[in-house]
Amino acid sequence: MNTTNKYLQFDDPTILTFEFNVNEQFDFDNDFDDVDISTLVEMPDELEINWQEPIPVYLSVFINPDNSDAPYKINMKILAFFKVDSAVPEGEAYQILQTDAASILLSYLRPMASMMVTASGFPPMTIPMLDFSDDDDD
């Protein structure tokens, strides 16, 4: 397992989906600076996790999913198995998986998306740092 710090380890991530679609109707005369990015972090429910075993964390990233005027659309999904040190309380460990693990997975997708956008004749696009913390008051 790779170690990012003393409390979080992970296996090499696996790309599950990478779809890149160019909008052939895109008008290059129109400026398009706004990139719509949405994400989905998936992992087992906190009560279902066996903290002694590696935990699967999936990250899906959708770029321009609903914008018909966008020059391209990207759909990516990546998976890695993470272990959180047993010294970390389970509630805190779950939050670490949602935030830190997702950020790690995003760092693997970022250069792939940039390379495909540039190779397709568009200006370079860099996925910015994203905040994966859950601010919802459920």
Protein backbone atom coordinates (compact mmCIF):
# COMPACT_ATOMS: atom_id res chain seq x y z
CA MET A 1 0.00 0.00 0.00
CA ASN A 2 1.09 3.57 -0.67
CA THR A 3 1.38 5.79 2.38
CA THR A 4 0.30 9.43 2.11
CA ASN A 5 0.90 10.09 5.77
CA LYS A 6 1.08 8.03 8.91
CA TYR A 7 -2.68 7.51 9.20
CA LEU A 8 -3.83 6.82 5.60
CA GLN A 9 -2.64 4.16 3.16
CA PHE A 10 -3.98 3.13 -0.23
CA ASP A 11 -3.47 0.71 -3.10
CA ASP A 12 -2.73 1.99 -6.57
CA PRO A 13 -5.91 3.55 -7.97
CA THR A 14 -7.74 1.98 -10.90
CA ILE A 15 -9.52 4.03 -13.56
CA LEU A 16 -12.95 2.48 -14.11
CA THR A 17 -14.42 4.99 -16.56
CA PHE A 18 -12.96 7.70 -18.75
CA GLU A 19 -15.31 9.20 -21.33
CA PHE A 20 -14.32 12.27 -23.30
CA ASN A 21 -16.80 13.69 -25.80
CA VAL A 22 -16.07 16.67 -28.02
CA ASN A 23 -18.98 18.92 -28.94
CA GLU A 24 -18.60 19.02 -32.71
CA GLN A 25 -21.04 21.96 -32.83
CA PHE A 26 -18.90 24.08 -30.49
CA ASP A 27 -18.32 27.60 -31.81
CA PHE A 28 -14.67 28.50 -31.21
CA ASP A 29 -15.54 32.17 -31.75
CA ASN A 30 -17.42 32.13 -28.44
CA ASP A 31 -15.33 32.30 -25.31
CA PHE A 32 -15.92 29.41 -22.96
CA ASP A 33 -14.13 29.92 -19.67
CA ASP A 34 -16.67 28.43 -17.28
CA VAL A 35 -16.17 24.76 -16.56
CA ASP A 36 -18.94 23.02 -14.64
CA ILE A 37 -17.48 20.33 -12.37
CA SER A 38 -19.47 18.01 -10.15
CA THR A 39 -18.27 15.05 -8.12
CA LEU A 40 -19.61 11.99 -6.39
CA VAL A 41 -17.74 10.12 -3.65
CA GLU A 42 -19.00 6.59 -3.03
CA MET A 43 -17.98 4.20 -0.28
CA PRO A 44 -19.67 1.78 2.11
CA ASP A 45 -21.93 3.16 4.80
CA GLU A 46 -20.04 3.90 8.01
CA LEU A 47 -21.89 1.13 9.90
CA GLU A 48 -21.02 -1.45 7.20
CA ILE A 49 -17.26 -0.83 7.21
CA ASN A 50 -14.86 -3.40 8.61
CA TRP A 51 -12.08 -1.04 9.67
CA GLN A 52 -9.56 -3.91 9.71
CA GLU A 53 -9.93 -4.40 5.93
CA PRO A 54 -9.12 -2.07 3.00
CA ILE A 55 -12.12 0.14 2.21
CA PRO A 56 -13.15 0.87 -1.38
CA VAL A 57 -13.52 4.55 -2.23
CA TYR A 58 -14.88 5.58 -5.63
CA LEU A 59 -14.66 9.08 -7.05
CA SER A 60 -16.70 10.14 -10.07
CA VAL A 61 -15.98 13.48 -11.73
CA PHE A 62 -18.33 15.04 -14.27
CA ILE A 63 -17.15 18.02 -16.32
CA ASN A 64 -19.78 20.04 -18.23
CA PRO A 65 -22.37 17.26 -17.86
CA ASP A 66 -25.46 19.33 -18.68
CA ASN A 67 -24.08 22.14 -20.83
CA SER A 68 -24.83 21.68 -24.52
CA ASP A 69 -22.73 24.77 -25.32
CA ALA A 70 -19.59 23.38 -23.67
CA PRO A 71 -16.70 22.40 -25.94
CA TYR A 72 -16.43 18.96 -24.33
CA LYS A 73 -17.85 16.70 -21.65
CA ILE A 74 -15.83 14.40 -19.44
CA ASN A 75 -17.03 11.56 -17.23
CA MET A 76 -14.39 9.83 -15.08
CA LYS A 77 -14.53 7.26 -12.30
CA ILE A 78 -11.63 5.95 -10.22
CA LEU A 79 -11.34 3.42 -7.39
CA ALA A 80 -8.75 2.73 -4.71
CA PHE A 81 -8.74 0.73 -1.50
CA PHE A 82 -7.77 2.70 1.60
CA LYS A 83 -6.80 1.79 5.15
CA VAL A 84 -7.02 4.26 8.01
CA ASP A 85 -4.76 3.74 11.01
CA SER A 86 -6.58 2.02 13.87
CA ALA A 87 -5.56 4.84 16.23
CA VAL A 88 -7.96 7.18 14.40
CA PRO A 89 -11.53 7.09 15.80
CA GLU A 90 -14.01 5.55 13.34
CA GLY A 91 -16.11 8.70 12.90
CA GLU A 92 -13.00 10.72 12.13
CA ALA A 93 -11.68 7.95 9.88
CA TYR A 94 -14.88 8.03 7.86
CA GLN A 95 -14.53 11.79 7.32
CA ILE A 96 -10.88 11.30 6.31
CA LEU A 97 -11.99 8.83 3.65
CA GLN A 98 -14.58 11.28 2.31
CA THR A 99 -12.14 14.18 2.11
CA ASP A 100 -8.52 13.06 1.96
CA ALA A 101 -9.13 9.88 -0.04
CA ALA A 102 -11.26 11.76 -2.57
CA SER A 103 -8.57 14.45 -2.93
CA ILE A 104 -5.94 11.77 -3.52
CA LEU A 105 -8.08 10.13 -6.20
CA LEU A 106 -8.72 13.49 -7.87
CA SER A 107 -4.97 14.02 -8.15
CA TYR A 108 -4.78 10.90 -10.34
CA LEU A 109 -7.59 12.09 -12.63
CA ARG A 110 -6.41 15.70 -12.99
CA PRO A 111 -3.49 15.11 -15.44
CA MET A 112 -5.52 12.67 -17.55
CA ALA A 113 -8.31 15.19 -18.07
CA SER A 114 -5.84 17.96 -18.87
CA MET A 115 -3.99 15.79 -21.39
CA MET A 116 -7.19 14.77 -23.22
CA VAL A 117 -8.49 18.34 -23.40
CA THR A 118 -5.18 19.62 -24.80
CA ALA A 119 -4.83 16.68 -27.22
CA SER A 120 -8.27 17.53 -28.59
CA GLY A 121 -7.22 21.01 -29.66
CA PHE A 122 -8.62 22.97 -26.74
CA PRO A 123 -6.69 25.25 -24.40
CA PRO A 124 -5.32 23.44 -21.34
CA MET A 125 -7.86 22.79 -18.61
CA THR A 126 -6.82 22.13 -15.04
CA ILE A 127 -9.27 20.70 -12.56
CA PRO A 128 -8.96 23.00 -9.53
CA MET A 129 -8.57 21.86 -5.94
CA LEU A 130 -12.00 20.79 -4.71
CA ASP A 131 -13.44 20.78 -1.20
CA PHE A 132 -14.84 17.33 -0.45
CA SER A 133 -15.93 18.17 3.08
CA ASP A 134 -19.60 17.56 3.79
CA ASP A 135 -21.18 20.85 4.81
CA ASP A 136 -24.74 19.50 4.76
CA ASP A 137 -26.64 19.46 8.02
CA ASP A 138 -28.57 16.22 7.58
